Amino acid sequence: MRRASGCVAIMAICALSSCSSGSSKSSSPTTPIPGATSASTIPTTAGGASKLGNIDPCTLLDPQVVRQAVGNAVGAAEHAGTACNWRSGNLGDVDVVLILDPLGDPVAKCARAGKASTGRTVSAVNGLGTTAYFDYRAAGAASNGDLTVCRKDGLVLLGLVGNKPNAAMQAAAVALARHVLAKLS
């Protein structure tokens, strides 16, 4: 059975990322990041955009890596604007969306990611070398988990949709984030 996947995860992620931001300009390049030293700044390229804005998210994961993390096969990467999707097409299987968000104020966006909302469970995630939050909403086959990794140069956002409990969804998101962060370093 096919399903329209990724929509819920993308909507939740867009609430944090530039999808809903009215500005395409980066905030002050000297904005401190949670957990960073006061001398840390947001790295920018010559054009003033964050380095994350120059990276194709579809190059950071492949179907085999996604399958290992989520436990089901997915198709090839599909571009969706500034996002990249890996979908199985089967109801209940986990689909993944990856967004690299270089725009706006990463400190403010990271703070929003750490706040719970109705029907969602938000928890801090350790072990990624930076501030990160996992946001989960149980909804059967359309349960979704969003991992927000706060970096100096923007946010790495992973959205997962499928029929998995919070702990399994979070473990899959963290495994994928580790892979992405290793490629970004």
C-alpha atoms as a PDB file:
ATOM      1  CA  MET A   1       0.000   0.000   0.000  1.00  0.00           C
ATOM      2  CA  ARG A   2       1.490   3.371  -1.030  1.00  0.00           C
ATOM      3  CA  ARG A   3       1.273   6.396   1.158  1.00  0.00           C
ATOM      4  CA  ALA A   4       2.085  10.079   1.018  1.00  0.00           C
ATOM      5  CA  SER A   5       5.002  10.025   3.382  1.00  0.00           C
ATOM      6  CA  GLY A   6       7.271  12.672   4.687  1.00  0.00           C
ATOM      7  CA  CYS A   7       4.531  15.307   4.794  1.00  0.00           C
ATOM      8  CA  VAL A   8       4.178  15.292   8.568  1.00  0.00           C
ATOM      9  CA  ALA A   9       7.929  15.252   9.131  1.00  0.00           C
ATOM     10  CA  ILE A  10       8.473  17.992   6.592  1.00  0.00           C
ATOM     11  CA  MET A  11       5.803  20.184   8.198  1.00  0.00           C
ATOM     12  CA  ALA A  12       7.371  19.731  11.638  1.00  0.00           C
ATOM     13  CA  ILE A  13      10.851  20.343  10.307  1.00  0.00           C
ATOM     14  CA  CYS A  14       9.712  23.385   8.327  1.00  0.00           C
ATOM     15  CA  ALA A  15       8.421  24.888  11.544  1.00  0.00           C
ATOM     16  CA  LEU A  16      12.064  25.004  12.656  1.00  0.00           C
ATOM     17  CA  SER A  17      13.843  25.606   9.385  1.00  0.00           C
ATOM     18  CA  SER A  18      13.836  28.235   6.693  1.00  0.00           C
ATOM     19  CA  CYS A  19      10.694  26.789   5.073  1.00  0.00           C
ATOM     20  CA  SER A  20       8.623  29.177   7.182  1.00  0.00           C
ATOM     21  CA  SER A  21      11.215  31.880   7.650  1.00  0.00           C
ATOM     22  CA  GLY A  22      10.446  35.067   5.872  1.00  0.00           C
ATOM     23  CA  SER A  23      14.110  35.883   5.478  1.00  0.00           C
ATOM     24  CA  SER A  24      16.748  34.365   3.291  1.00  0.00           C
ATOM     25  CA  LYS A  25      19.498  36.298   4.999  1.00  0.00           C
ATOM     26  CA  SER A  26      21.778  34.767   7.591  1.00  0.00           C
ATOM     27  CA  SER A  27      21.796  36.309  11.036  1.00  0.00           C
ATOM     28  CA  SER A  28      24.848  38.075  12.376  1.00  0.00           C
ATOM     29  CA  PRO A  29      27.883  35.865  11.739  1.00  0.00           C
ATOM     30  CA  THR A  30      29.007  36.359  15.329  1.00  0.00           C
ATOM     31  CA  THR A  31      25.937  34.882  17.021  1.00  0.00           C
ATOM     32  CA  PRO A  32      27.083  32.458  19.749  1.00  0.00           C
ATOM     33  CA  ILE A  33      25.830  28.888  19.515  1.00  0.00           C
ATOM     34  CA  PRO A  34      24.652  26.900  22.579  1.00  0.00           C
ATOM     35  CA  GLY A  35      27.559  24.848  23.884  1.00  0.00           C
ATOM     36  CA  ALA A  36      30.109  26.802  21.856  1.00  0.00           C
ATOM     37  CA  THR A  37      32.751  29.181  23.157  1.00  0.00           C
ATOM     38  CA  SER A  38      31.966  32.880  23.083  1.00  0.00           C
ATOM     39  CA  ALA A  39      34.488  33.244  20.240  1.00  0.00           C
ATOM     40  CA  SER A  40      32.575  30.815  18.009  1.00  0.00           C
ATOM     41  CA  THR A  41      30.925  32.304  14.957  1.00  0.00           C
ATOM     42  CA  ILE A  42      28.694  31.044  12.194  1.00  0.00           C
ATOM     43  CA  PRO A  43      31.045  30.184   9.299  1.00  0.00           C
ATOM     44  CA  THR A  44      30.060  31.738   6.005  1.00  0.00           C
ATOM     45  CA  THR A  45      31.173  31.486   2.407  1.00  0.00           C
ATOM     46  CA  ALA A  46      32.235  34.471   0.312  1.00  0.00           C
ATOM     47  CA  GLY A  47      28.602  35.165  -0.588  1.00  0.00           C
ATOM     48  CA  GLY A  48      27.682  35.387   3.092  1.00  0.00           C
ATOM     49  CA  ALA A  49      25.692  32.129   3.123  1.00  0.00           C
ATOM     50  CA  SER A  50      26.448  29.324   5.524  1.00  0.00           C
ATOM     51  CA  LYS A  51      28.528  26.432   4.199  1.00  0.00           C
ATOM     52  CA  LEU A  52      25.499  24.147   4.660  1.00  0.00           C
ATOM     53  CA  GLY A  53      23.742  26.031   1.880  1.00  0.00           C
ATOM     54  CA  ASN A  54      26.312  24.782  -0.629  1.00  0.00           C
ATOM     55  CA  ILE A  55      25.800  21.079   0.092  1.00  0.00           C
ATOM     56  CA  ASP A  56      23.299  18.812  -1.646  1.00  0.00           C
ATOM     57  CA  PRO A  57      21.621  16.816   1.166  1.00  0.00           C
ATOM     58  CA  CYS A  58      21.052  13.895  -1.234  1.00  0.00           C
ATOM     59  CA  THR A  59      24.819  13.307  -1.314  1.00  0.00           C
ATOM     60  CA  LEU A  60      25.035  12.694   2.441  1.00  0.00           C
ATOM     61  CA  LEU A  61      23.023   9.464   2.725  1.00  0.00           C
ATOM     62  CA  ASP A  62      22.351   6.532   0.428  1.00  0.00           C
ATOM     63  CA  PRO A  63      19.602   3.880   0.456  1.00  0.00           C
ATOM     64  CA  GLN A  64      21.843   1.263   2.117  1.00  0.00           C
ATOM     65  CA  VAL A  65      22.761   3.567   5.010  1.00  0.00           C
ATOM     66  CA  VAL A  66      19.098   4.537   5.456  1.00  0.00           C
ATOM     67  CA  ARG A  67      18.010   0.858   5.326  1.00  0.00           C
ATOM     68  CA  GLN A  68      20.539  -0.081   8.014  1.00  0.00           C
ATOM     69  CA  ALA A  69      19.298   2.696  10.288  1.00  0.00           C
ATOM     70  CA  VAL A  70      15.529   2.349   9.815  1.00  0.00           C
ATOM     71  CA  GLY A  71      15.234  -1.402   9.199  1.00  0.00           C
ATOM     72  CA  ASN A  72      13.452  -1.306   5.838  1.00  0.00           C
ATOM     73  CA  ALA A  73      14.432  -0.776   2.221  1.00  0.00           C
ATOM     74  CA  VAL A  74      14.021   2.666   0.673  1.00  0.00           C
ATOM     75  CA  GLY A  75      14.342   3.945  -2.856  1.00  0.00           C
ATOM     76  CA  ALA A  76      16.942   6.274  -4.293  1.00  0.00           C
ATOM     77  CA  ALA A  77      17.246   9.821  -3.004  1.00  0.00           C
ATOM     78  CA  GLU A  78      14.562  12.223  -4.266  1.00  0.00           C
ATOM     79  CA  HIS A  79      15.179  15.973  -4.302  1.00  0.00           C
ATOM     80  CA  ALA A  80      12.347  18.020  -2.843  1.00  0.00           C
ATOM     81  CA  GLY A  81      13.425  21.647  -2.908  1.00  0.00           C
ATOM     82  CA  THR A  82      16.080  22.057  -0.227  1.00  0.00           C
ATOM     83  CA  ALA A  83      15.257  18.627   1.204  1.00  0.00           C
ATOM     84  CA  CYS A  84      16.057  15.088   0.187  1.00  0.00           C
ATOM     85  CA  ASN A  85      13.716  12.107   0.727  1.00  0.00           C
ATOM     86  CA  TRP A  86      14.283   8.367   0.926  1.00  0.00           C
ATOM     87  CA  ARG A  87      10.936   6.505   0.744  1.00  0.00           C
ATOM     88  CA  SER A  88       9.902   2.878   0.916  1.00  0.00           C
ATOM     89  CA  GLY A  89       6.364   3.300  -0.398  1.00  0.00           C
ATOM     90  CA  ASN A  90       4.977   0.737   2.081  1.00  0.00           C
ATOM     91  CA  LEU A  91       2.561   1.694   4.837  1.00  0.00           C
ATOM     92  CA  GLY A  92       4.286   1.478   8.218  1.00  0.00           C
ATOM     93  CA  ASP A  93       7.839   1.437   6.830  1.00  0.00           C
ATOM     94  CA  VAL A  94      10.026   4.342   7.862  1.00  0.00           C
ATOM     95  CA  ASP A  95      10.717   7.087   5.318  1.00  0.00           C
ATOM     96  CA  VAL A  96      13.404   9.729   5.842  1.00  0.00           C
ATOM     97  CA  VAL A  97      13.780  13.393   4.917  1.00  0.00           C
ATOM     98  CA  LEU A  98      17.038  15.350   5.355  1.00  0.00           C
ATOM     99  CA  ILE A  99      17.197  19.144   5.305  1.00  0.00           C
ATOM    100  CA  LEU A 100      20.299  21.294   5.717  1.00  0.00           C
ATOM    101  CA  ASP A 101      19.135  24.681   6.987  1.00  0.00           C
ATOM    102  CA  PRO A 102      21.765  27.425   6.736  1.00  0.00           C
ATOM    103  CA  LEU A 103      19.362  30.365   6.974  1.00  0.00           C
ATOM    104  CA  GLY A 104      18.371  32.575   9.837  1.00  0.00           C
ATOM    105  CA  ASP A 105      19.428  32.393  13.444  1.00  0.00           C
ATOM    106  CA  PRO A 106      20.523  28.859  14.433  1.00  0.00           C
ATOM    107  CA  VAL A 107      20.429  29.793  18.134  1.00  0.00           C
ATOM    108  CA  ALA A 108      16.740  30.772  18.000  1.00  0.00           C
ATOM    109  CA  LYS A 109      15.824  27.777  15.839  1.00  0.00           C
ATOM    110  CA  CYS A 110      17.683  25.439  18.177  1.00  0.00           C
ATOM    111  CA  ALA A 111      15.831  26.893  21.170  1.00  0.00           C
ATOM    112  CA  ARG A 112      12.482  26.292  19.400  1.00  0.00           C
ATOM    113  CA  ALA A 113      13.512  22.682  18.677  1.00  0.00           C
ATOM    114  CA  GLY A 114      14.012  22.063  22.386  1.00  0.00           C
ATOM    115  CA  LYS A 115      10.470  23.041  23.375  1.00  0.00           C
ATOM    116  CA  ALA A 116       7.704  20.459  23.652  1.00  0.00           C
ATOM    117  CA  SER A 117       4.306  21.016  22.112  1.00  0.00           C
ATOM    118  CA  THR A 118       0.943  19.304  22.524  1.00  0.00           C
ATOM    119  CA  GLY A 119       1.061  15.605  21.673  1.00  0.00           C
ATOM    120  CA  ARG A 120       4.818  15.565  21.148  1.00  0.00           C
ATOM    121  CA  THR A 121       7.692  14.324  23.279  1.00  0.00           C
ATOM    122  CA  VAL A 122      10.937  16.304  23.052  1.00  0.00           C
ATOM    123  CA  SER A 123      14.212  15.094  24.509  1.00  0.00           C
ATOM    124  CA  ALA A 124      17.810  16.282  24.390  1.00  0.00           C
ATOM    125  CA  VAL A 125      20.125  13.965  22.476  1.00  0.00           C
ATOM    126  CA  ASN A 126      23.683  13.463  23.661  1.00  0.00           C
ATOM    127  CA  GLY A 127      26.623  12.005  21.806  1.00  0.00           C
ATOM    128  CA  LEU A 128      26.455  14.001  18.582  1.00  0.00           C
ATOM    129  CA  GLY A 129      29.123  16.496  19.609  1.00  0.00           C
ATOM    130  CA  THR A 130      26.691  19.399  19.615  1.00  0.00           C
ATOM    131  CA  THR A 131      23.270  20.392  20.931  1.00  0.00           C
ATOM    132  CA  ALA A 132      20.527  18.195  19.495  1.00  0.00           C
ATOM    133  CA  TYR A 133      16.857  17.475  20.172  1.00  0.00           C
ATOM    134  CA  PHE A 134      14.541  14.646  19.178  1.00  0.00           C
ATOM    135  CA  ASP A 135      10.840  15.405  18.832  1.00  0.00           C
ATOM    136  CA  TYR A 136       8.444  12.432  18.592  1.00  0.00           C
ATOM    137  CA  ARG A 137       4.708  12.099  17.961  1.00  0.00           C
ATOM    138  CA  ALA A 138       3.027   8.692  18.100  1.00  0.00           C
ATOM    139  CA  ALA A 139       0.433   8.217  15.363  1.00  0.00           C
ATOM    140  CA  GLY A 140       0.544   4.558  14.306  1.00  0.00           C
ATOM    141  CA  ALA A 141       1.842   4.106  10.761  1.00  0.00           C
ATOM    142  CA  ALA A 142       2.347   7.869  10.518  1.00  0.00           C
ATOM    143  CA  SER A 143       4.327   8.295  13.756  1.00  0.00           C
ATOM    144  CA  ASN A 144       7.070  10.802  13.242  1.00  0.00           C
ATOM    145  CA  GLY A 145      10.339  11.764  14.810  1.00  0.00           C
ATOM    146  CA  ASP A 146      12.365  14.851  14.016  1.00  0.00           C
ATOM    147  CA  LEU A 147      16.013  15.172  15.008  1.00  0.00           C
ATOM    148  CA  THR A 148      17.398  18.706  15.043  1.00  0.00           C
ATOM    149  CA  VAL A 149      21.178  18.968  15.242  1.00  0.00           C
ATOM    150  CA  CYS A 150      22.300  22.503  16.050  1.00  0.00           C
ATOM    151  CA  ARG A 151      25.559  23.493  14.368  1.00  0.00           C
ATOM    152  CA  LYS A 152      27.463  26.762  14.185  1.00  0.00           C
ATOM    153  CA  ASP A 153      26.607  27.055  10.504  1.00  0.00           C
ATOM    154  CA  GLY A 154      22.928  26.109  10.718  1.00  0.00           C
ATOM    155  CA  LEU A 155      20.740  23.112  11.431  1.00  0.00           C
ATOM    156  CA  VAL A 156      20.822  19.521  10.235  1.00  0.00           C
ATOM    157  CA  LEU A 157      17.227  18.268  10.303  1.00  0.00           C
ATOM    158  CA  LEU A 158      16.241  14.614   9.948  1.00  0.00           C
ATOM    159  CA  GLY A 159      12.574  13.672   9.805  1.00  0.00           C
ATOM    160  CA  LEU A 160      11.396  10.068  10.026  1.00  0.00           C
ATOM    161  CA  VAL A 161       7.831   8.883   9.417  1.00  0.00           C
ATOM    162  CA  GLY A 162       6.658   5.307   9.987  1.00  0.00           C
ATOM    163  CA  ASN A 163       5.355   2.742  12.449  1.00  0.00           C
ATOM    164  CA  LYS A 164       8.104   2.690  15.088  1.00  0.00           C
ATOM    165  CA  PRO A 165       8.102   3.587  18.771  1.00  0.00           C
ATOM    166  CA  ASN A 166       9.977   6.610  20.112  1.00  0.00           C
ATOM    167  CA  ALA A 167      13.183   4.765  21.138  1.00  0.00           C
ATOM    168  CA  ALA A 168      13.548   2.959  17.788  1.00  0.00           C
ATOM    169  CA  MET A 169      12.804   6.109  15.804  1.00  0.00           C
ATOM    170  CA  GLN A 170      15.305   8.121  17.852  1.00  0.00           C
ATOM    171  CA  ALA A 171      18.017   5.440  17.498  1.00  0.00           C
ATOM    172  CA  ALA A 172      17.539   5.433  13.710  1.00  0.00           C
ATOM    173  CA  ALA A 173      17.654   9.245  13.529  1.00  0.00           C
ATOM    174  CA  VAL A 174      20.834   9.391  15.635  1.00  0.00           C
ATOM    175  CA  ALA A 175      22.518   6.726  13.471  1.00  0.00           C
ATOM    176  CA  LEU A 176      21.669   8.727  10.347  1.00  0.00           C
ATOM    177  CA  ALA A 177      22.824  11.981  11.967  1.00  0.00           C
ATOM    178  CA  ARG A 178      26.179  10.450  12.859  1.00  0.00           C
ATOM    179  CA  HIS A 179      26.649   9.436   9.232  1.00  0.00           C
ATOM    180  CA  VAL A 180      25.670  12.904   7.962  1.00  0.00           C
ATOM    181  CA  LEU A 181      27.837  14.744  10.522  1.00  0.00           C
ATOM    182  CA  ALA A 182      30.859  12.598   9.636  1.00  0.00           C
ATOM    183  CA  LYS A 183      30.459  13.590   5.982  1.00  0.00           C
ATOM    184  CA  LEU A 184      30.053  17.264   6.905  1.00  0.00           C
ATOM    185  CA  SER A 185      33.204  17.391   9.039  1.00  0.00           C
END
